[in-house]
Amino acid sequence: MTQAIILGDIHFGKSTNIGKIGIGAAINSRILDQMNLLDWVLDQAETHGVHDIIVTGDIFEEPKPSSMLITLFLSWIKKCIANNVKLHLIRGNHDILRSGFISNSSLDIISEIDFDNVHVYKDIDTIIIGTTAFTLLPFRDRKSFSVASNLEALSLLQDLISYELASIPITYSKVLIGHLAIEGSIPVGDEIDDISNELFCDINMFNGYDYVWMGHVHKPQVMNKNNPYVAHVGSMDISNFGETDHKKNIVIFNCLNSTYEYKILPTRPLKKVSIIVPKDAIDTTKFVIDHLVSLNDDYSKAIIKLEVSLDSEALSLNKPIIEKFFAEKSAFSISSFFESKKMMPVKKDIKNTIDTKIDVLSAIKTYAHTYVDTDMRSEFIELATETFTNFKIEAKD
């Protein structure tokens, strides 16, 4: 059976700020998570007889990835080659490092090594697998076309797509896979580097194709259900607490009969919990624990972000007890634990404000009426006024 896997943006090296260093290991746990997902994808390729994996872009999180990340990714490439799996890597915006009109990419290293069965796409191209033509479209923005407006850039992009489409035999199924934002899609993180130069593609640009899967936007979402089917496949991993509700997928596409299925990636869960402790809670820690129990959530292998809001006079939380609760629930780690207290606002008495705009005699009276006892107020005002008058006379002399 001739099939291909479509894998969303990898972002290798992302979200290490919520990971941890394992005992005896120098690699951040989030990088290990991403390596495990890549190995899972390769396992799926072997299970389903897949010989082509197409990645939608953003292979690395940073345009200048560390040598360690490059080495680890190269080791996965070698696994794919050993298992007779071809890799098709589309260049994304995170894979590009610009200097004026010149752009370089960390993926150039992979191209230079010239691996068998590994292809990097920095320009639009079409490949044939079975009876399906896959048009692979790397990231483009207005700057990459060197034109004055986004409208001009979109017109040139449309010309490129139309040219590729015209070269495909009419009997073949037509699939476009790329790294561009579809108009109306919902970005959730750092997908868009430069909103003023970003190109948002209308679905009508893809007329003539049967299916379109784009990377770039991290949240999986279907933009058009047919003629053509248009969707963002989403990124490979859940990278931050704004993506906790995402179901990350791969697409397994049958290149002979043009059918497809989604398979959910086994991503590590991220759990964000926000709790407001009421003012009348005597034992704040017990209230938080009881609330967590009532949620009846599964924290197994999860990274936790806990935010607790307390009254200004409430006792602070016993954090070790709460950490023990999550440990007993087999949580992987607590990446952040925020405890905040609501402070009572101090009202400003405008009538009794002493500042540089008030004259000295008025300031003396205001101070006396605000801070001096009634039985001493007259004496205080008289003495302060006399002192100020004498000071003025001495200053003139």
Protein backbone atom coordinates (compact mmCIF):
# COMPACT_ATOMS: atom_id res chain seq x y z
CA MET A 1 0.00 0.00 0.00
CA THR A 2 1.40 3.39 -1.02
CA GLN A 3 0.87 5.93 1.72
CA ALA A 4 2.43 9.17 3.00
CA ILE A 5 2.44 10.79 6.42
CA ILE A 6 1.90 14.55 6.75
CA LEU A 7 3.54 15.82 9.94
CA GLY A 8 2.96 19.34 11.25
CA ASP A 9 5.63 21.83 12.33
CA ILE A 10 8.15 20.08 14.62
CA HIS A 11 9.61 23.15 16.40
CA PHE A 12 12.46 21.04 17.72
CA GLY A 13 13.81 22.70 20.86
CA LYS A 14 10.66 24.64 21.75
CA SER A 15 9.21 25.16 25.27
CA THR A 16 12.30 24.10 27.22
CA ASN A 17 11.29 26.75 29.78
CA ILE A 18 8.59 24.38 31.09
CA GLY A 19 10.78 21.28 30.94
CA LYS A 20 13.23 19.87 33.44
CA ILE A 21 16.63 18.22 33.40
CA GLY A 22 16.32 14.54 34.19
CA ILE A 23 18.56 12.76 36.68
CA GLY A 24 21.70 11.66 34.88
CA ALA A 25 20.65 13.35 31.63
CA ALA A 26 21.77 16.68 30.21
CA ILE A 27 18.85 16.95 27.79
CA ASN A 28 15.80 19.01 28.72
CA SER A 29 12.69 16.86 29.17
CA ARG A 30 10.79 18.80 26.49
CA ILE A 31 13.43 17.91 23.90
CA LEU A 32 13.13 14.27 24.97
CA ASP A 33 9.34 14.57 24.53
CA GLN A 34 9.82 15.86 20.98
CA MET A 35 12.30 13.07 20.17
CA ASN A 36 9.79 10.52 21.45
CA LEU A 37 7.09 11.99 19.19
CA LEU A 38 9.41 11.80 16.17
CA ASP A 39 10.13 8.15 16.97
CA TRP A 40 6.39 7.51 17.32
CA VAL A 41 5.81 9.00 13.84
CA LEU A 42 8.49 6.71 12.42
CA ASP A 43 6.83 3.74 14.16
CA GLN A 44 3.54 4.71 12.50
CA ALA A 45 5.31 4.79 9.15
CA GLU A 46 6.55 1.24 9.69
CA THR A 47 3.16 0.03 10.93
CA HIS A 48 1.24 1.47 7.96
CA GLY A 49 3.80 0.74 5.27
CA VAL A 50 4.58 4.42 4.74
CA HIS A 51 7.71 5.28 2.74
CA ASP A 52 7.32 9.10 2.65
CA ILE A 53 7.03 11.58 5.55
CA ILE A 54 6.26 15.18 4.56
CA VAL A 55 6.97 17.83 7.23
CA THR A 56 5.13 21.15 6.88
CA GLY A 57 8.04 23.29 8.10
CA ASP A 58 9.58 24.92 11.18
CA ILE A 59 11.83 21.92 11.76
CA PHE A 60 13.67 23.82 14.48
CA GLU A 61 12.24 26.39 16.88
CA GLU A 62 15.14 28.81 16.41
CA PRO A 63 16.69 29.90 13.09
CA LYS A 64 20.09 29.18 14.69
CA PRO A 65 19.55 25.89 16.57
CA SER A 66 22.24 24.54 18.89
CA SER A 67 24.67 21.91 17.67
CA MET A 68 23.03 19.45 20.09
CA LEU A 69 19.61 19.89 18.46
CA ILE A 70 21.07 19.54 14.98
CA THR A 71 22.90 16.36 16.03
CA LEU A 72 19.77 14.85 17.59
CA PHE A 73 17.68 15.62 14.52
CA LEU A 74 20.33 14.14 12.23
CA SER A 75 20.21 10.95 14.32
CA TRP A 76 16.45 10.73 13.65
CA ILE A 77 17.06 11.29 9.95
CA LYS A 78 19.46 8.32 9.98
CA LYS A 79 16.74 6.18 11.59
CA CYS A 80 14.36 7.14 8.79
CA ILE A 81 16.95 6.28 6.15
CA ALA A 82 17.67 2.93 7.84
CA ASN A 83 13.96 2.13 7.66
CA ASN A 84 13.72 3.11 3.98
CA VAL A 85 11.57 6.17 4.73
CA LYS A 86 11.98 9.29 2.60
CA LEU A 87 11.85 12.67 4.32
CA HIS A 88 10.47 15.77 2.62
CA LEU A 89 11.26 18.88 4.71
CA ILE A 90 9.46 22.08 3.73
CA ARG A 91 11.18 25.27 4.86
CA GLY A 92 9.14 27.30 7.37
CA ASN A 93 9.55 30.84 8.69
CA HIS A 94 11.40 29.60 11.79
CA ASP A 95 13.91 27.89 9.49
CA ILE A 96 14.91 31.16 7.83
CA LEU A 97 17.58 33.61 8.96
CA ARG A 98 17.50 36.83 6.94
CA SER A 99 20.24 39.37 6.35
CA GLY A 100 19.03 42.05 3.97
CA PHE A 101 17.88 40.31 0.80
CA ILE A 102 19.87 37.15 1.63
CA SER A 103 18.25 34.30 3.56
CA ASN A 104 20.03 31.31 5.08
CA SER A 105 18.65 28.27 6.84
CA SER A 106 19.86 25.64 9.29
CA LEU A 107 18.29 23.15 6.87
CA ASP A 108 21.10 24.04 4.43
CA ILE A 109 23.30 21.78 6.55
CA ILE A 110 21.02 18.83 5.78
CA SER A 111 21.00 19.71 2.08
CA GLU A 112 24.79 19.94 2.03
CA ILE A 113 25.20 16.49 3.60
CA ASP A 114 23.22 15.17 0.63
CA PHE A 115 21.51 12.30 2.41
CA ASP A 116 19.83 9.68 0.28
CA ASN A 117 16.04 9.98 0.54
CA VAL A 118 16.10 13.35 2.37
CA HIS A 119 14.91 16.42 0.48
CA VAL A 120 14.69 20.04 1.65
CA TYR A 121 12.32 22.36 -0.23
CA LYS A 122 13.11 26.08 -0.28
CA ASP A 123 11.21 26.62 -3.55
CA ILE A 124 7.82 25.31 -4.65
CA ASP A 125 8.01 21.84 -6.19
CA THR A 126 5.74 18.88 -7.00
CA ILE A 127 6.50 15.22 -6.30
CA ILE A 128 4.58 12.13 -7.36
CA ILE A 129 3.80 9.29 -4.93
CA GLY A 130 1.61 6.55 -6.35
CA THR A 131 -1.11 8.30 -8.32
CA THR A 132 -1.03 11.44 -6.17
CA ALA A 133 0.83 14.65 -6.92
CA PHE A 134 2.02 16.56 -3.86
CA THR A 135 2.83 20.24 -4.37
CA LEU A 136 5.19 21.36 -1.60
CA LEU A 137 5.09 25.09 -0.83
CA PRO A 138 7.67 26.66 1.55
CA PHE A 139 7.04 29.83 3.55
CA ARG A 140 6.63 33.06 1.63
CA ASP A 141 5.83 36.60 2.73
CA ARG A 142 5.82 39.98 1.01
CA LYS A 143 9.55 40.48 1.62
CA SER A 144 10.42 37.21 -0.14
CA PHE A 145 8.77 38.50 -3.33
CA SER A 146 10.43 41.95 -3.10
CA VAL A 147 7.22 43.80 -3.96
CA ALA A 148 5.54 46.86 -2.48
CA SER A 149 2.28 45.33 -1.28
CA ASN A 150 0.90 42.10 0.13
CA LEU A 151 -1.67 42.08 -2.68
CA GLU A 152 1.11 41.95 -5.27
CA ALA A 153 2.83 39.16 -3.33
CA LEU A 154 -0.37 37.11 -3.18
CA SER A 155 -0.81 37.54 -6.92
CA LEU A 156 2.70 36.21 -7.56
CA LEU A 157 2.07 33.35 -5.14
CA GLN A 158 -1.12 32.50 -7.02
CA ASP A 159 0.88 32.38 -10.25
CA LEU A 160 3.35 29.92 -8.73
CA ILE A 161 0.57 27.66 -7.51
CA SER A 162 -1.28 27.80 -10.83
CA TYR A 163 1.90 26.95 -12.72
CA GLU A 164 2.52 23.86 -10.55
CA LEU A 165 -1.11 22.78 -10.88
CA ALA A 166 -0.96 23.04 -14.68
CA SER A 167 2.03 20.65 -14.75
CA ILE A 168 0.15 17.83 -12.97
CA PRO A 169 -1.52 15.19 -15.18
CA ILE A 170 -5.31 15.45 -14.98
CA THR A 171 -5.66 11.81 -13.89
CA TYR A 172 -3.63 12.34 -10.70
CA SER A 173 -5.04 13.35 -7.32
CA LYS A 174 -3.70 16.72 -6.29
CA VAL A 175 -2.55 17.61 -2.78
CA LEU A 176 -0.89 20.88 -1.70
CA ILE A 177 1.16 20.92 1.50
CA GLY A 178 2.84 24.10 2.66
CA HIS A 179 3.76 26.62 5.31
CA LEU A 180 1.37 29.53 4.92
CA ALA A 181 -1.53 30.96 6.92
CA ILE A 182 -5.03 30.48 5.54
CA GLU A 183 -7.35 33.48 5.76
CA GLY A 184 -9.69 33.10 8.73
CA SER A 185 -7.44 30.70 10.63
CA ILE A 186 -6.71 31.25 14.32
CA PRO A 187 -3.04 31.63 15.32
CA VAL A 188 -2.41 30.84 18.98
CA GLY A 189 1.24 31.65 19.63
CA ASP A 190 4.32 32.93 17.86
CA GLU A 191 3.39 31.73 14.37
CA ILE A 192 3.30 35.20 12.84
CA ASP A 193 6.71 36.92 12.89
CA ASP A 194 5.74 40.08 11.03
CA ILE A 195 2.00 40.72 10.64
CA SER A 196 2.51 43.55 8.15
CA ASN A 197 4.31 41.25 5.69
CA GLU A 198 2.38 38.04 6.38
CA LEU A 199 0.40 36.54 3.50
CA PHE A 200 -3.04 35.17 4.37
CA CYS A 201 -4.25 32.86 1.60
CA ASP A 202 -7.85 32.80 0.48
CA ILE A 203 -9.09 29.22 -0.01
CA ASN A 204 -9.98 30.08 -3.63
CA MET A 205 -6.24 30.24 -4.35
CA PHE A 206 -6.22 26.46 -4.15
CA ASN A 207 -9.01 25.74 -6.63
CA GLY A 208 -8.03 22.73 -8.73
CA TYR A 209 -6.43 20.86 -5.83
CA ASP A 210 -8.31 18.10 -4.04
CA TYR A 211 -6.70 18.58 -0.63
CA VAL A 212 -4.66 21.29 1.10
CA TRP A 213 -2.85 20.87 4.40
CA MET A 214 -0.88 23.81 5.77
CA GLY A 215 1.50 24.04 8.69
CA HIS A 216 2.49 27.42 10.21
CA VAL A 217 -0.66 27.82 12.37
CA HIS A 218 -0.32 25.60 15.44
CA LYS A 219 -3.97 24.81 16.13
CA PRO A 220 -5.45 22.02 13.97
CA GLN A 221 -8.47 23.46 12.15
CA VAL A 222 -10.49 22.69 9.05
CA MET A 223 -11.08 25.78 6.92
CA ASN A 224 -13.06 24.20 4.05
CA LYS A 225 -14.58 20.71 3.91
CA ASN A 226 -14.58 20.07 0.18
CA ASN A 227 -13.66 21.37 -3.30
CA PRO A 228 -10.96 21.58 -2.07
CA TYR A 229 -10.60 20.25 1.48
CA VAL A 230 -8.45 22.89 3.23
CA ALA A 231 -7.01 22.58 6.75
CA HIS A 232 -4.17 23.49 9.06
CA VAL A 233 -2.68 20.21 10.25
CA GLY A 234 -1.32 21.96 13.36
CA SER A 235 2.09 21.69 15.04
CA MET A 236 3.54 18.39 16.26
CA ASP A 237 3.53 19.06 20.00
CA ILE A 238 1.63 21.01 22.64
CA SER A 239 4.14 23.76 23.35
CA ASN A 240 2.51 26.07 25.90
CA PHE A 241 -0.45 26.39 28.25
CA GLY A 242 -2.45 28.21 25.58
CA GLU A 243 -2.62 24.94 23.62
CA THR A 244 -3.88 22.66 26.39
CA ASP A 245 -7.10 21.87 24.50
CA HIS A 246 -5.36 20.94 21.22
CA LYS A 247 -5.47 17.42 19.81
CA LYS A 248 -2.30 17.18 17.73
CA ASN A 249 -2.53 14.89 14.70
CA ILE A 250 -0.68 13.40 11.80
CA VAL A 251 -2.36 12.71 8.46
CA ILE A 252 -1.92 9.31 6.83
CA PHE A 253 -2.75 9.75 3.17
CA ASN A 254 -3.43 6.85 0.81
CA CYS A 255 -1.71 7.85 -2.44
CA LEU A 256 -3.63 5.32 -4.57
CA ASN A 257 -7.27 5.97 -3.67
CA SER A 258 -6.95 9.53 -2.23
CA THR A 259 -8.35 8.72 1.20
CA TYR A 260 -6.88 9.89 4.49
CA GLU A 261 -7.14 9.45 8.22
CA TYR A 262 -6.02 11.47 11.22
CA LYS A 263 -4.11 9.81 14.05
CA ILE A 264 -3.70 11.61 17.38
CA LEU A 265 -0.12 12.19 18.51
CA PRO A 266 0.66 11.00 22.07
CA THR A 267 1.72 14.44 23.30
CA ARG A 268 2.53 15.09 26.94
CA PRO A 269 -0.48 16.83 28.54
CA LEU A 270 -0.17 20.36 29.89
CA LYS A 271 -2.62 21.26 32.65
CA LYS A 272 -3.37 24.79 33.79
CA VAL A 273 -5.37 25.10 37.04
CA SER A 274 -6.62 28.44 38.41
CA ILE A 275 -8.19 28.56 41.90
CA ILE A 276 -9.72 31.49 43.80
CA VAL A 277 -9.74 30.87 47.55
CA PRO A 278 -12.72 32.59 49.24
CA LYS A 279 -12.17 35.06 52.07
CA ASP A 280 -13.86 32.84 54.65
CA ALA A 281 -11.62 29.82 53.99
CA ILE A 282 -9.87 29.04 57.28
CA ASP A 283 -7.37 26.50 55.91
CA THR A 284 -6.30 27.76 52.48
CA THR A 285 -4.17 24.69 51.68
CA LYS A 286 -7.03 22.31 52.50
CA PHE A 287 -9.38 24.36 50.30
CA VAL A 288 -6.97 24.07 47.34
CA ILE A 289 -6.52 20.32 47.84
CA ASP A 290 -10.30 19.77 48.16
CA HIS A 291 -10.87 21.82 45.02
CA LEU A 292 -8.28 19.80 43.08
CA VAL A 293 -9.95 16.56 44.23
CA SER A 294 -13.37 17.84 43.14
CA LEU A 295 -12.05 18.52 39.63
CA ASN A 296 -11.38 14.78 39.28
CA ASP A 297 -8.83 15.52 36.54
CA ASP A 298 -6.15 13.16 35.26
CA TYR A 299 -2.73 14.61 36.05
CA SER A 300 -0.77 11.52 35.04
CA LYS A 301 2.47 12.45 33.20
CA ALA A 302 1.27 16.06 32.94
CA ILE A 303 3.18 19.31 33.32
CA ILE A 304 1.23 21.51 35.74
CA LYS A 305 0.77 25.26 35.96
CA LEU A 306 -1.04 26.24 39.16
CA GLU A 307 -2.36 29.73 39.91
CA VAL A 308 -3.98 30.42 43.29
CA SER A 309 -5.54 33.75 44.29
CA LEU A 310 -5.90 34.46 48.03
CA ASP A 311 -7.44 37.20 50.15
CA SER A 312 -4.96 39.76 51.47
CA GLU A 313 -5.27 38.50 55.06
CA ALA A 314 -5.33 34.76 54.25
CA LEU A 315 -2.58 32.39 55.34
CA SER A 316 -0.10 31.48 52.63
CA LEU A 317 -0.27 28.02 51.08
CA ASN A 318 1.73 25.04 52.28
CA LYS A 319 3.35 24.37 48.92
CA PRO A 320 5.03 21.02 49.83
CA ILE A 321 1.60 19.54 50.65
CA ILE A 322 0.20 20.64 47.28
CA GLU A 323 3.30 19.39 45.46
CA LYS A 324 2.89 16.03 47.22
CA PHE A 325 -0.73 15.85 45.97
CA PHE A 326 0.40 16.19 42.34
CA ALA A 327 3.24 13.70 42.87
CA GLU A 328 0.74 11.13 44.18
CA LYS A 329 -1.35 11.76 41.05
CA SER A 330 1.74 10.84 38.94
CA ALA A 331 2.15 14.36 37.51
CA PHE A 332 5.41 14.78 35.62
CA SER A 333 6.31 18.18 37.07
CA ILE A 334 4.98 21.53 38.27
CA SER A 335 6.47 24.07 35.90
CA SER A 336 5.07 27.08 37.78
CA PHE A 337 3.25 27.69 41.06
CA PHE A 338 1.85 31.21 41.44
CA GLU A 339 0.31 32.46 44.68
CA SER A 340 -1.16 35.97 44.60
CA LYS A 341 -2.97 37.99 47.25
CA LYS A 342 -5.60 40.63 46.66
CA MET A 343 -4.53 43.84 48.35
CA MET A 344 -7.10 46.31 49.67
CA PRO A 345 -6.84 49.59 47.75
CA VAL A 346 -5.96 52.69 49.80
CA LYS A 347 -8.39 55.48 49.07
CA LYS A 348 -6.83 58.85 48.46
CA ASP A 349 -8.39 61.73 50.40
CA ILE A 350 -8.36 64.45 47.76
CA LYS A 351 -9.53 67.11 50.19
CA ASN A 352 -6.60 66.49 52.51
CA THR A 353 -3.85 66.22 49.91
CA ILE A 354 -0.63 68.14 50.62
CA ASP A 355 1.59 68.61 47.59
CA THR A 356 3.80 71.25 45.97
CA LYS A 357 0.79 73.10 44.58
CA ILE A 358 -0.66 74.05 48.01
CA ASP A 359 0.56 77.18 49.83
CA VAL A 360 2.35 76.75 53.19
CA LEU A 361 -0.34 78.21 55.46
CA SER A 362 -3.05 76.05 53.87
CA ALA A 363 -0.77 73.03 54.20
CA ILE A 364 -0.32 73.72 57.93
CA LYS A 365 -4.08 73.84 58.47
CA THR A 366 -4.70 70.74 56.35
CA TYR A 367 -2.04 68.78 58.23
CA ALA A 368 -3.40 69.91 61.59
CA HIS A 369 -7.00 68.93 60.78
CA THR A 370 -5.85 65.56 59.45
CA TYR A 371 -3.19 64.42 61.92
CA VAL A 372 -3.29 66.60 65.09
CA ASP A 373 -5.65 65.98 68.02
CA THR A 374 -8.45 68.54 68.46
CA ASP A 375 -7.26 69.88 71.83
CA MET A 376 -3.79 70.64 70.44
CA ARG A 377 -4.78 71.77 66.97
CA SER A 378 -4.98 75.58 67.59
CA GLU A 379 -1.68 75.64 69.42
CA PHE A 380 -0.02 73.60 66.63
CA ILE A 381 -1.33 75.93 63.90
CA GLU A 382 -0.20 79.02 65.82
CA LEU A 383 3.30 77.65 66.48
CA ALA A 384 3.78 76.34 62.92
CA THR A 385 2.59 79.63 61.42
CA GLU A 386 4.92 81.64 63.65
CA THR A 387 7.87 79.40 62.76
CA PHE A 388 7.19 79.79 59.03
CA THR A 389 6.86 83.62 59.36
CA ASN A 390 10.13 83.89 61.25
CA PHE A 391 11.84 81.68 58.64
CA LYS A 392 10.65 83.96 55.83
CA ILE A 393 11.98 87.06 57.65
CA GLU A 394 15.36 85.44 58.29
CA ALA A 395 15.53 84.31 54.66
CA LYS A 396 15.02 87.92 53.45
CA ASP A 397 17.69 89.24 55.82
